Amino acid sequence: MPPPVFRFAPSPNGYLHLGHAYSALLNFDLARASGGRFLLRIEDIDATRCRPEFEAAIYEDLAWLGISWETPVRRQSEHLSRYREAVEILAGLGLIYPSFESRAEIARLVVQREASAPWPRDPDGAPLYPGEAKSLPPDERNRLIGEGMPYALRLDMPKALARTEELAWQEDGAGPGGESGVVAAHPEAWGDVILARKETPTSYHLSVVIDDALQGVTDVVRGQDLFWSTSVHLLLQQLLGIPQPAYRHHRLVADSSGQKLSKSTAATGLRELRGQGASPAEIRRIVGLSE
């Protein structure tokens, strides 16, 4: 039996903080304890926010923590054609449609819908897509695309669910509400999710399942903030005929006010703590890991 494969996949849109350190160290520890492999992946599809200096800092901070990884490192921006292929497969199944509303227009539509009743929101709290682009005639869609209109490619969730069996996963950690064991997936809670945009041929949901499959990742260990995203990932895995890894969601490292850490929280940034004289062993203790 091949060894298990773990990964840590940060985005280079800021400096790493204690939450990243916990997730990276946990994956690295699990890989070593199981005789498995540890991969580092750079999720840099957001060209407007990702910067080379942040990527360089990721390598520096992880090495300082005592983490080593296999090379070459997979950088998503170097594999856009792979994601386009997946979009084309889903489009061939009739499961993709373009929507043309701007974020401001979508916000206005939500306000209009909520004049009569609360509009549904996804597990992250964002309103579900309220537009009617799905009903646009093909000629009108082609005309708008031909005129250079920006668009998002959305998954037709009802059609996608009609093509799949009941979805569930074995949760080896715990969800934000303590969920564990066999967890029923509810991708419909996300509505018609965006899988790509005109200027970017992929999204987090699509690229993460493609990358995990192509890299042979067997164990996805990540924060509880991504727990319910697993529902969408299982759906895409089944639609694309790719393997489903094991999932384990871990606790989030919070700041002194109990809030989830962000990359703008200087007090918990690894570079800041290192500059103040913290050692890798102290970082492990702070995040609750044994040395």
C-alpha atoms as a PDB file:
ATOM      1  CA  MET A   1       0.000   0.000   0.000  1.00  0.00           C
ATOM      2  CA  PRO A   2       1.445   3.434  -0.935  1.00  0.00           C
ATOM      3  CA  PRO A   3       2.197   5.846   1.906  1.00  0.00           C
ATOM      4  CA  PRO A   4      -0.368   8.512   2.824  1.00  0.00           C
ATOM      5  CA  VAL A   5       0.081  11.947   1.296  1.00  0.00           C
ATOM      6  CA  PHE A   6      -0.576  15.150   3.259  1.00  0.00           C
ATOM      7  CA  ARG A   7      -0.352  18.742   2.063  1.00  0.00           C
ATOM      8  CA  PHE A   8      -0.290  22.338   3.235  1.00  0.00           C
ATOM      9  CA  ALA A   9      -1.622  24.788   0.657  1.00  0.00           C
ATOM     10  CA  PRO A  10      -1.335  28.487   1.602  1.00  0.00           C
ATOM     11  CA  SER A  11      -2.096  31.474  -0.607  1.00  0.00           C
ATOM     12  CA  PRO A  12       0.742  34.028  -0.970  1.00  0.00           C
ATOM     13  CA  ASN A  13      -1.514  37.014  -0.306  1.00  0.00           C
ATOM     14  CA  GLY A  14      -0.028  37.874   3.081  1.00  0.00           C
ATOM     15  CA  TYR A  15       2.391  36.637   5.733  1.00  0.00           C
ATOM     16  CA  LEU A  16       1.730  33.430   7.655  1.00  0.00           C
ATOM     17  CA  HIS A  17       0.289  33.592  11.172  1.00  0.00           C
ATOM     18  CA  LEU A  18      -0.078  31.155  14.063  1.00  0.00           C
ATOM     19  CA  GLY A  19      -3.100  29.484  12.491  1.00  0.00           C
ATOM     20  CA  HIS A  20      -1.069  28.631   9.404  1.00  0.00           C
ATOM     21  CA  ALA A  21       1.753  27.367  11.630  1.00  0.00           C
ATOM     22  CA  TYR A  22      -0.621  25.020  13.452  1.00  0.00           C
ATOM     23  CA  SER A  23      -2.051  23.577  10.217  1.00  0.00           C
ATOM     24  CA  ALA A  24       1.350  23.183   8.552  1.00  0.00           C
ATOM     25  CA  LEU A  25       2.945  21.592  11.619  1.00  0.00           C
ATOM     26  CA  LEU A  26      -0.019  19.274  12.174  1.00  0.00           C
ATOM     27  CA  ASN A  27       0.128  18.013   8.573  1.00  0.00           C
ATOM     28  CA  PHE A  28       3.910  17.632   8.768  1.00  0.00           C
ATOM     29  CA  ASP A  29       3.686  15.732  12.075  1.00  0.00           C
ATOM     30  CA  LEU A  30       0.972  13.411  10.749  1.00  0.00           C
ATOM     31  CA  ALA A  31       3.000  12.686   7.617  1.00  0.00           C
ATOM     32  CA  ARG A  32       6.095  11.798   9.641  1.00  0.00           C
ATOM     33  CA  ALA A  33       4.159   9.692  12.172  1.00  0.00           C
ATOM     34  CA  SER A  34       2.521   7.648   9.419  1.00  0.00           C
ATOM     35  CA  GLY A  35       5.609   7.296   7.243  1.00  0.00           C
ATOM     36  CA  GLY A  36       3.839   9.394   4.657  1.00  0.00           C
ATOM     37  CA  ARG A  37       4.725  12.256   2.346  1.00  0.00           C
ATOM     38  CA  PHE A  38       4.299  15.984   2.944  1.00  0.00           C
ATOM     39  CA  LEU A  39       3.639  18.371   0.056  1.00  0.00           C
ATOM     40  CA  LEU A  40       3.615  22.156  -0.105  1.00  0.00           C
ATOM     41  CA  ARG A  41       1.302  23.752  -2.655  1.00  0.00           C
ATOM     42  CA  ILE A  42       1.096  27.458  -3.459  1.00  0.00           C
ATOM     43  CA  GLU A  43      -2.488  28.516  -4.225  1.00  0.00           C
ATOM     44  CA  ASP A  44      -1.761  31.648  -6.252  1.00  0.00           C
ATOM     45  CA  ILE A  45      -4.682  31.907  -8.657  1.00  0.00           C
ATOM     46  CA  ASP A  46      -5.633  35.379  -7.366  1.00  0.00           C
ATOM     47  CA  ALA A  47      -3.170  37.432  -9.392  1.00  0.00           C
ATOM     48  CA  THR A  48      -4.407  40.709  -7.894  1.00  0.00           C
ATOM     49  CA  ARG A  49      -3.508  39.786  -4.289  1.00  0.00           C
ATOM     50  CA  CYS A  50      -0.706  37.204  -4.522  1.00  0.00           C
ATOM     51  CA  ARG A  51       2.830  38.599  -4.461  1.00  0.00           C
ATOM     52  CA  PRO A  52       6.308  37.045  -4.854  1.00  0.00           C
ATOM     53  CA  GLU A  53       7.527  38.404  -1.526  1.00  0.00           C
ATOM     54  CA  PHE A  54       4.723  36.617   0.317  1.00  0.00           C
ATOM     55  CA  GLU A  55       5.567  33.351  -1.439  1.00  0.00           C
ATOM     56  CA  ALA A  56       9.232  33.730  -0.516  1.00  0.00           C
ATOM     57  CA  ALA A  57       8.200  34.392   3.086  1.00  0.00           C
ATOM     58  CA  ILE A  58       6.147  31.181   3.153  1.00  0.00           C
ATOM     59  CA  TYR A  59       9.222  29.112   2.310  1.00  0.00           C
ATOM     60  CA  GLU A  60      11.310  31.017   4.851  1.00  0.00           C
ATOM     61  CA  ASP A  61       8.793  30.707   7.700  1.00  0.00           C
ATOM     62  CA  LEU A  62       8.106  27.007   7.133  1.00  0.00           C
ATOM     63  CA  ALA A  63      11.807  26.169   6.970  1.00  0.00           C
ATOM     64  CA  TRP A  64      12.335  28.124  10.209  1.00  0.00           C
ATOM     65  CA  LEU A  65       9.628  25.997  11.860  1.00  0.00           C
ATOM     66  CA  GLY A  66      11.604  22.889  10.899  1.00  0.00           C
ATOM     67  CA  ILE A  67       9.241  21.801   8.133  1.00  0.00           C
ATOM     68  CA  SER A  68      10.617  20.239   4.952  1.00  0.00           C
ATOM     69  CA  TRP A  69       8.671  19.389   1.807  1.00  0.00           C
ATOM     70  CA  GLU A  70       9.019  17.642  -1.511  1.00  0.00           C
ATOM     71  CA  THR A  71      10.073  19.590  -4.556  1.00  0.00           C
ATOM     72  CA  PRO A  72       9.129  20.921  -6.995  1.00  0.00           C
ATOM     73  CA  VAL A  73       6.390  22.863  -5.262  1.00  0.00           C
ATOM     74  CA  ARG A  74       3.119  22.956  -7.215  1.00  0.00           C
ATOM     75  CA  ARG A  75       2.073  26.512  -8.025  1.00  0.00           C
ATOM     76  CA  GLN A  76      -1.500  26.767  -9.266  1.00  0.00           C
ATOM     77  CA  SER A  77      -0.729  29.617 -11.653  1.00  0.00           C
ATOM     78  CA  GLU A  78       1.462  27.226 -13.655  1.00  0.00           C
ATOM     79  CA  HIS A  79      -1.363  24.734 -14.259  1.00  0.00           C
ATOM     80  CA  LEU A  80      -4.299  26.819 -15.465  1.00  0.00           C
ATOM     81  CA  SER A  81      -4.820  24.559 -18.479  1.00  0.00           C
ATOM     82  CA  ARG A  82      -5.701  21.677 -16.133  1.00  0.00           C
ATOM     83  CA  TYR A  83      -8.496  23.694 -14.588  1.00  0.00           C
ATOM     84  CA  ARG A  84      -9.781  24.767 -17.999  1.00  0.00           C
ATOM     85  CA  GLU A  85     -10.035  21.084 -18.945  1.00  0.00           C
ATOM     86  CA  ALA A  86     -12.199  20.407 -15.894  1.00  0.00           C
ATOM     87  CA  VAL A  87     -14.457  23.358 -16.717  1.00  0.00           C
ATOM     88  CA  GLU A  88     -14.825  22.046 -20.267  1.00  0.00           C
ATOM     89  CA  ILE A  89     -15.835  18.613 -18.936  1.00  0.00           C
ATOM     90  CA  LEU A  90     -18.532  20.133 -16.742  1.00  0.00           C
ATOM     91  CA  ALA A  91     -19.668  22.403 -19.574  1.00  0.00           C
ATOM     92  CA  GLY A  92     -19.933  19.343 -21.827  1.00  0.00           C
ATOM     93  CA  LEU A  93     -22.304  17.841 -19.267  1.00  0.00           C
ATOM     94  CA  GLY A  94     -24.464  20.963 -19.436  1.00  0.00           C
ATOM     95  CA  LEU A  95     -23.653  21.933 -15.858  1.00  0.00           C
ATOM     96  CA  ILE A  96     -22.003  25.339 -16.406  1.00  0.00           C
ATOM     97  CA  TYR A  97     -23.538  28.694 -17.298  1.00  0.00           C
ATOM     98  CA  PRO A  98     -22.163  32.264 -17.394  1.00  0.00           C
ATOM     99  CA  SER A  99     -23.582  35.024 -15.221  1.00  0.00           C
ATOM    100  CA  PHE A 100     -22.848  38.648 -16.050  1.00  0.00           C
ATOM    101  CA  GLU A 101     -23.894  40.653 -12.987  1.00  0.00           C
ATOM    102  CA  SER A 102     -21.258  42.653 -11.141  1.00  0.00           C
ATOM    103  CA  ARG A 103     -20.862  42.261  -7.372  1.00  0.00           C
ATOM    104  CA  ALA A 104     -22.714  45.559  -6.922  1.00  0.00           C
ATOM    105  CA  GLU A 105     -25.579  44.360  -9.127  1.00  0.00           C
ATOM    106  CA  ILE A 106     -25.809  41.117  -7.181  1.00  0.00           C
ATOM    107  CA  ALA A 107     -25.937  43.072  -3.917  1.00  0.00           C
ATOM    108  CA  ARG A 108     -28.813  45.177  -5.297  1.00  0.00           C
ATOM    109  CA  LEU A 109     -30.683  42.039  -6.386  1.00  0.00           C
ATOM    110  CA  VAL A 110     -30.333  40.579  -2.906  1.00  0.00           C
ATOM    111  CA  VAL A 111     -31.786  43.759  -1.387  1.00  0.00           C
ATOM    112  CA  GLN A 112     -34.723  43.527  -3.792  1.00  0.00           C
ATOM    113  CA  ARG A 113     -35.336  39.866  -2.950  1.00  0.00           C
ATOM    114  CA  GLU A 114     -35.186  40.568   0.781  1.00  0.00           C
ATOM    115  CA  ALA A 115     -37.967  43.139   0.494  1.00  0.00           C
ATOM    116  CA  SER A 116     -40.408  40.233   0.693  1.00  0.00           C
ATOM    117  CA  ALA A 117     -38.476  37.571   2.652  1.00  0.00           C
ATOM    118  CA  PRO A 118     -34.976  36.833   3.960  1.00  0.00           C
ATOM    119  CA  TRP A 119     -32.681  35.721   1.152  1.00  0.00           C
ATOM    120  CA  PRO A 120     -30.786  32.447   1.769  1.00  0.00           C
ATOM    121  CA  ARG A 121     -27.077  32.555   2.548  1.00  0.00           C
ATOM    122  CA  ASP A 122     -24.324  29.995   2.201  1.00  0.00           C
ATOM    123  CA  PRO A 123     -22.415  28.500   5.172  1.00  0.00           C
ATOM    124  CA  ASP A 124     -19.948  31.413   5.012  1.00  0.00           C
ATOM    125  CA  GLY A 125     -22.769  33.922   5.284  1.00  0.00           C
ATOM    126  CA  ALA A 126     -22.696  35.181   1.685  1.00  0.00           C
ATOM    127  CA  PRO A 127     -26.039  35.439  -0.151  1.00  0.00           C
ATOM    128  CA  LEU A 128     -26.766  32.752  -2.712  1.00  0.00           C
ATOM    129  CA  TYR A 129     -26.721  33.850  -6.333  1.00  0.00           C
ATOM    130  CA  PRO A 130     -29.986  35.781  -6.898  1.00  0.00           C
ATOM    131  CA  GLY A 131     -29.744  36.378 -10.650  1.00  0.00           C
ATOM    132  CA  GLU A 132     -31.484  34.774 -13.591  1.00  0.00           C
ATOM    133  CA  ALA A 133     -28.566  34.232 -15.971  1.00  0.00           C
ATOM    134  CA  LYS A 134     -29.451  30.556 -16.153  1.00  0.00           C
ATOM    135  CA  SER A 135     -32.538  31.438 -18.183  1.00  0.00           C
ATOM    136  CA  LEU A 136     -30.710  33.594 -20.764  1.00  0.00           C
ATOM    137  CA  PRO A 137     -31.036  32.226 -24.324  1.00  0.00           C
ATOM    138  CA  PRO A 138     -27.757  30.872 -25.771  1.00  0.00           C
ATOM    139  CA  ASP A 139     -27.667  33.616 -28.407  1.00  0.00           C
ATOM    140  CA  GLU A 140     -27.872  36.296 -25.723  1.00  0.00           C
ATOM    141  CA  ARG A 141     -25.105  34.655 -23.718  1.00  0.00           C
ATOM    142  CA  ASN A 142     -22.890  34.469 -26.777  1.00  0.00           C
ATOM    143  CA  ARG A 143     -23.614  38.081 -27.627  1.00  0.00           C
ATOM    144  CA  LEU A 144     -22.617  39.317 -24.176  1.00  0.00           C
ATOM    145  CA  ILE A 145     -19.439  37.215 -24.171  1.00  0.00           C
ATOM    146  CA  GLY A 146     -18.594  38.433 -27.683  1.00  0.00           C
ATOM    147  CA  GLU A 147     -18.962  42.037 -26.524  1.00  0.00           C
ATOM    148  CA  GLY A 148     -16.345  41.408 -23.856  1.00  0.00           C
ATOM    149  CA  MET A 149     -18.666  41.483 -20.860  1.00  0.00           C
ATOM    150  CA  PRO A 150     -17.076  40.167 -17.633  1.00  0.00           C
ATOM    151  CA  TYR A 151     -18.669  36.933 -16.484  1.00  0.00           C
ATOM    152  CA  ALA A 152     -18.492  34.194 -13.900  1.00  0.00           C
ATOM    153  CA  LEU A 153     -18.969  30.541 -14.798  1.00  0.00           C
ATOM    154  CA  ARG A 154     -21.375  28.983 -12.308  1.00  0.00           C
ATOM    155  CA  LEU A 155     -22.267  25.396 -11.523  1.00  0.00           C
ATOM    156  CA  ASP A 156     -25.948  24.663 -12.097  1.00  0.00           C
ATOM    157  CA  MET A 157     -26.427  23.096  -8.678  1.00  0.00           C
ATOM    158  CA  PRO A 158     -29.840  21.416  -9.227  1.00  0.00           C
ATOM    159  CA  LYS A 159     -28.619  19.809 -12.474  1.00  0.00           C
ATOM    160  CA  ALA A 160     -25.358  18.747 -10.833  1.00  0.00           C
ATOM    161  CA  LEU A 161     -27.152  17.137  -7.892  1.00  0.00           C
ATOM    162  CA  ALA A 162     -29.433  15.273 -10.288  1.00  0.00           C
ATOM    163  CA  ARG A 163     -26.347  13.547 -11.743  1.00  0.00           C
ATOM    164  CA  THR A 164     -24.876  12.411  -8.442  1.00  0.00           C
ATOM    165  CA  GLU A 165     -25.594   9.901  -5.733  1.00  0.00           C
ATOM    166  CA  GLU A 166     -26.061  10.782  -2.075  1.00  0.00           C
ATOM    167  CA  LEU A 167     -22.902  12.485  -0.840  1.00  0.00           C
ATOM    168  CA  ALA A 168     -21.204  11.993   2.527  1.00  0.00           C
ATOM    169  CA  TRP A 169     -17.738  11.813   4.014  1.00  0.00           C
ATOM    170  CA  GLN A 170     -16.016  10.256   6.989  1.00  0.00           C
ATOM    171  CA  GLU A 171     -14.920  13.108   9.227  1.00  0.00           C
ATOM    172  CA  ASP A 172     -11.825  12.148  11.187  1.00  0.00           C
ATOM    173  CA  GLY A 173     -11.674  15.463  13.049  1.00  0.00           C
ATOM    174  CA  ALA A 174     -14.623  17.653  13.976  1.00  0.00           C
ATOM    175  CA  GLY A 175     -16.723  20.337  12.372  1.00  0.00           C
ATOM    176  CA  PRO A 176     -17.503  23.750  13.871  1.00  0.00           C
ATOM    177  CA  GLY A 177     -20.559  22.268  15.581  1.00  0.00           C
ATOM    178  CA  GLY A 178     -18.746  19.145  16.757  1.00  0.00           C
ATOM    179  CA  GLU A 179     -19.780  17.095  13.711  1.00  0.00           C
ATOM    180  CA  SER A 180     -17.799  13.860  13.331  1.00  0.00           C
ATOM    181  CA  GLY A 181     -18.123  10.362  11.914  1.00  0.00           C
ATOM    182  CA  VAL A 182     -20.140  10.052   8.711  1.00  0.00           C
ATOM    183  CA  VAL A 183     -21.287  13.552   7.705  1.00  0.00           C
ATOM    184  CA  ALA A 184     -23.964  14.114   5.075  1.00  0.00           C
ATOM    185  CA  ALA A 185     -22.875  16.624   2.456  1.00  0.00           C
ATOM    186  CA  HIS A 186     -25.186  19.500   1.501  1.00  0.00           C
ATOM    187  CA  PRO A 187     -23.717  21.211  -1.575  1.00  0.00           C
ATOM    188  CA  GLU A 188     -27.104  22.787  -2.278  1.00  0.00           C
ATOM    189  CA  ALA A 189     -26.436  25.081   0.695  1.00  0.00           C
ATOM    190  CA  TRP A 190     -23.918  26.929  -1.508  1.00  0.00           C
ATOM    191  CA  GLY A 191     -26.266  27.575  -4.429  1.00  0.00           C
ATOM    192  CA  ASP A 192     -24.829  27.977  -7.923  1.00  0.00           C
ATOM    193  CA  VAL A 193     -21.182  28.376  -6.903  1.00  0.00           C
ATOM    194  CA  ILE A 194     -18.630  30.107  -9.109  1.00  0.00           C
ATOM    195  CA  LEU A 195     -16.110  27.694 -10.646  1.00  0.00           C
ATOM    196  CA  ALA A 196     -14.228  30.148 -12.878  1.00  0.00           C
ATOM    197  CA  ARG A 197     -14.264  33.704 -14.174  1.00  0.00           C
ATOM    198  CA  LYS A 198     -13.496  35.305 -17.523  1.00  0.00           C
ATOM    199  CA  GLU A 199     -10.084  36.465 -16.297  1.00  0.00           C
ATOM    200  CA  THR A 200      -9.332  33.426 -14.079  1.00  0.00           C
ATOM    201  CA  PRO A 201     -10.129  29.924 -15.395  1.00  0.00           C
ATOM    202  CA  THR A 202     -10.671  28.424 -11.961  1.00  0.00           C
ATOM    203  CA  SER A 203     -11.796  29.032  -8.390  1.00  0.00           C
ATOM    204  CA  TYR A 204     -10.758  27.699  -5.000  1.00  0.00           C
ATOM    205  CA  HIS A 205     -13.407  24.950  -5.059  1.00  0.00           C
ATOM    206  CA  LEU A 206     -12.396  23.677  -8.484  1.00  0.00           C
ATOM    207  CA  SER A 207      -8.626  23.983  -8.235  1.00  0.00           C
ATOM    208  CA  VAL A 208      -8.372  22.360  -4.810  1.00  0.00           C
ATOM    209  CA  VAL A 209     -10.086  19.143  -5.892  1.00  0.00           C
ATOM    210  CA  ILE A 210      -8.108  18.986  -9.149  1.00  0.00           C
ATOM    211  CA  ASP A 211      -4.798  19.573  -7.365  1.00  0.00           C
ATOM    212  CA  ASP A 212      -5.480  17.042  -4.626  1.00  0.00           C
ATOM    213  CA  ALA A 213      -6.310  14.404  -7.233  1.00  0.00           C
ATOM    214  CA  LEU A 214      -3.338  15.146  -9.480  1.00  0.00           C
ATOM    215  CA  GLN A 215      -0.945  15.165  -6.526  1.00  0.00           C
ATOM    216  CA  GLY A 216      -2.329  11.954  -5.063  1.00  0.00           C
ATOM    217  CA  VAL A 217      -3.291  13.599  -1.766  1.00  0.00           C
ATOM    218  CA  THR A 218      -4.882  10.943   0.447  1.00  0.00           C
ATOM    219  CA  ASP A 219      -5.482  12.981   3.625  1.00  0.00           C
ATOM    220  CA  VAL A 220      -6.814  16.538   3.640  1.00  0.00           C
ATOM    221  CA  VAL A 221      -6.203  18.090   7.056  1.00  0.00           C
ATOM    222  CA  ARG A 222      -7.429  21.687   7.229  1.00  0.00           C
ATOM    223  CA  GLY A 223      -9.263  24.196   9.415  1.00  0.00           C
ATOM    224  CA  GLN A 224     -12.876  24.021  10.499  1.00  0.00           C
ATOM    225  CA  ASP A 225     -13.630  27.154   8.463  1.00  0.00           C
ATOM    226  CA  LEU A 226     -13.500  24.901   5.385  1.00  0.00           C
ATOM    227  CA  PHE A 227     -15.645  22.131   6.881  1.00  0.00           C
ATOM    228  CA  TRP A 228     -18.810  22.759   4.855  1.00  0.00           C
ATOM    229  CA  SER A 229     -16.827  23.492   1.686  1.00  0.00           C
ATOM    230  CA  THR A 230     -16.212  19.743   1.675  1.00  0.00           C
ATOM    231  CA  SER A 231     -19.792  19.337   0.427  1.00  0.00           C
ATOM    232  CA  VAL A 232     -18.955  21.182  -2.801  1.00  0.00           C
ATOM    233  CA  HIS A 233     -15.658  19.331  -3.129  1.00  0.00           C
ATOM    234  CA  LEU A 234     -17.343  15.919  -2.875  1.00  0.00           C
ATOM    235  CA  LEU A 235     -19.840  16.959  -5.532  1.00  0.00           C
ATOM    236  CA  LEU A 236     -17.099  18.056  -7.945  1.00  0.00           C
ATOM    237  CA  GLN A 237     -15.089  14.894  -7.282  1.00  0.00           C
ATOM    238  CA  GLN A 238     -18.057  12.736  -8.201  1.00  0.00           C
ATOM    239  CA  LEU A 239     -18.919  14.785 -11.289  1.00  0.00           C
ATOM    240  CA  LEU A 240     -15.313  14.662 -12.531  1.00  0.00           C
ATOM    241  CA  GLY A 241     -14.710  11.031 -11.571  1.00  0.00           C
ATOM    242  CA  ILE A 242     -11.736  11.733  -9.314  1.00  0.00           C
ATOM    243  CA  PRO A 243     -10.849  10.128  -5.954  1.00  0.00           C
ATOM    244  CA  GLN A 244     -12.176  11.358  -2.633  1.00  0.00           C
ATOM    245  CA  PRO A 245      -9.451  11.786  -0.007  1.00  0.00           C
ATOM    246  CA  ALA A 246      -9.965  11.346   3.727  1.00  0.00           C
ATOM    247  CA  TYR A 247     -10.937  14.557   5.529  1.00  0.00           C
ATOM    248  CA  ARG A 248      -9.951  15.826   8.948  1.00  0.00           C
ATOM    249  CA  HIS A 249     -10.853  19.346  10.038  1.00  0.00           C
ATOM    250  CA  HIS A 250      -8.968  20.844  12.941  1.00  0.00           C
ATOM    251  CA  ARG A 251      -9.673  23.597  15.441  1.00  0.00           C
ATOM    252  CA  LEU A 252      -8.860  27.182  14.535  1.00  0.00           C
ATOM    253  CA  VAL A 253      -6.267  29.199  16.404  1.00  0.00           C
ATOM    254  CA  ALA A 254      -8.015  32.321  17.693  1.00  0.00           C
ATOM    255  CA  ASP A 255      -6.743  35.711  18.825  1.00  0.00           C
ATOM    256  CA  SER A 256      -7.193  37.130  22.323  1.00  0.00           C
ATOM    257  CA  SER A 257     -10.760  38.198  21.489  1.00  0.00           C
ATOM    258  CA  GLY A 258     -11.668  34.726  20.247  1.00  0.00           C
ATOM    259  CA  GLN A 259     -11.722  35.720  16.578  1.00  0.00           C
ATOM    260  CA  LYS A 260     -10.237  33.650  13.755  1.00  0.00           C
ATOM    261  CA  LEU A 261      -6.780  34.892  12.830  1.00  0.00           C
ATOM    262  CA  SER A 262      -6.237  36.851   9.638  1.00  0.00           C
ATOM    263  CA  LYS A 263      -3.081  37.706   7.724  1.00  0.00           C
ATOM    264  CA  SER A 264      -3.429  41.300   8.866  1.00  0.00           C
ATOM    265  CA  THR A 265      -3.091  40.335  12.536  1.00  0.00           C
ATOM    266  CA  ALA A 266       0.477  41.414  13.206  1.00  0.00           C
ATOM    267  CA  ALA A 267       0.482  40.190  16.804  1.00  0.00           C
ATOM    268  CA  THR A 268       0.154  36.600  15.673  1.00  0.00           C
ATOM    269  CA  GLY A 269       2.317  36.801  12.518  1.00  0.00           C
ATOM    270  CA  LEU A 270       5.198  34.354  12.416  1.00  0.00           C
ATOM    271  CA  ARG A 271       7.639  36.958  11.132  1.00  0.00           C
ATOM    272  CA  GLU A 272       6.732  39.337  13.956  1.00  0.00           C
ATOM    273  CA  LEU A 273       6.996  36.632  16.621  1.00  0.00           C
ATOM    274  CA  ARG A 274      10.305  35.446  15.201  1.00  0.00           C
ATOM    275  CA  GLY A 275      11.573  39.025  15.241  1.00  0.00           C
ATOM    276  CA  GLN A 276      10.629  39.255  18.912  1.00  0.00           C
ATOM    277  CA  GLY A 277      12.827  36.254  19.684  1.00  0.00           C
ATOM    278  CA  ALA A 278      10.313  33.392  19.638  1.00  0.00           C
ATOM    279  CA  SER A 279      11.731  29.961  18.817  1.00  0.00           C
ATOM    280  CA  PRO A 280      10.136  27.206  16.729  1.00  0.00           C
ATOM    281  CA  ALA A 281       9.640  25.201  19.941  1.00  0.00           C
ATOM    282  CA  GLU A 282       7.753  28.121  21.484  1.00  0.00           C
ATOM    283  CA  ILE A 283       5.515  28.382  18.418  1.00  0.00           C
ATOM    284  CA  ARG A 284       4.649  24.697  18.797  1.00  0.00           C
ATOM    285  CA  ARG A 285       3.731  25.247  22.439  1.00  0.00           C
ATOM    286  CA  ILE A 286       1.681  28.359  21.670  1.00  0.00           C
ATOM    287  CA  VAL A 287      -0.459  26.497  19.123  1.00  0.00           C
ATOM    288  CA  GLY A 288      -0.839  23.458  21.380  1.00  0.00           C
ATOM    289  CA  LEU A 289       1.467  20.922  19.739  1.00  0.00           C
ATOM    290  CA  SER A 290       4.027  18.800  21.557  1.00  0.00           C
ATOM    291  CA  GLU A 291       7.688  19.180  20.673  1.00  0.00           C
END
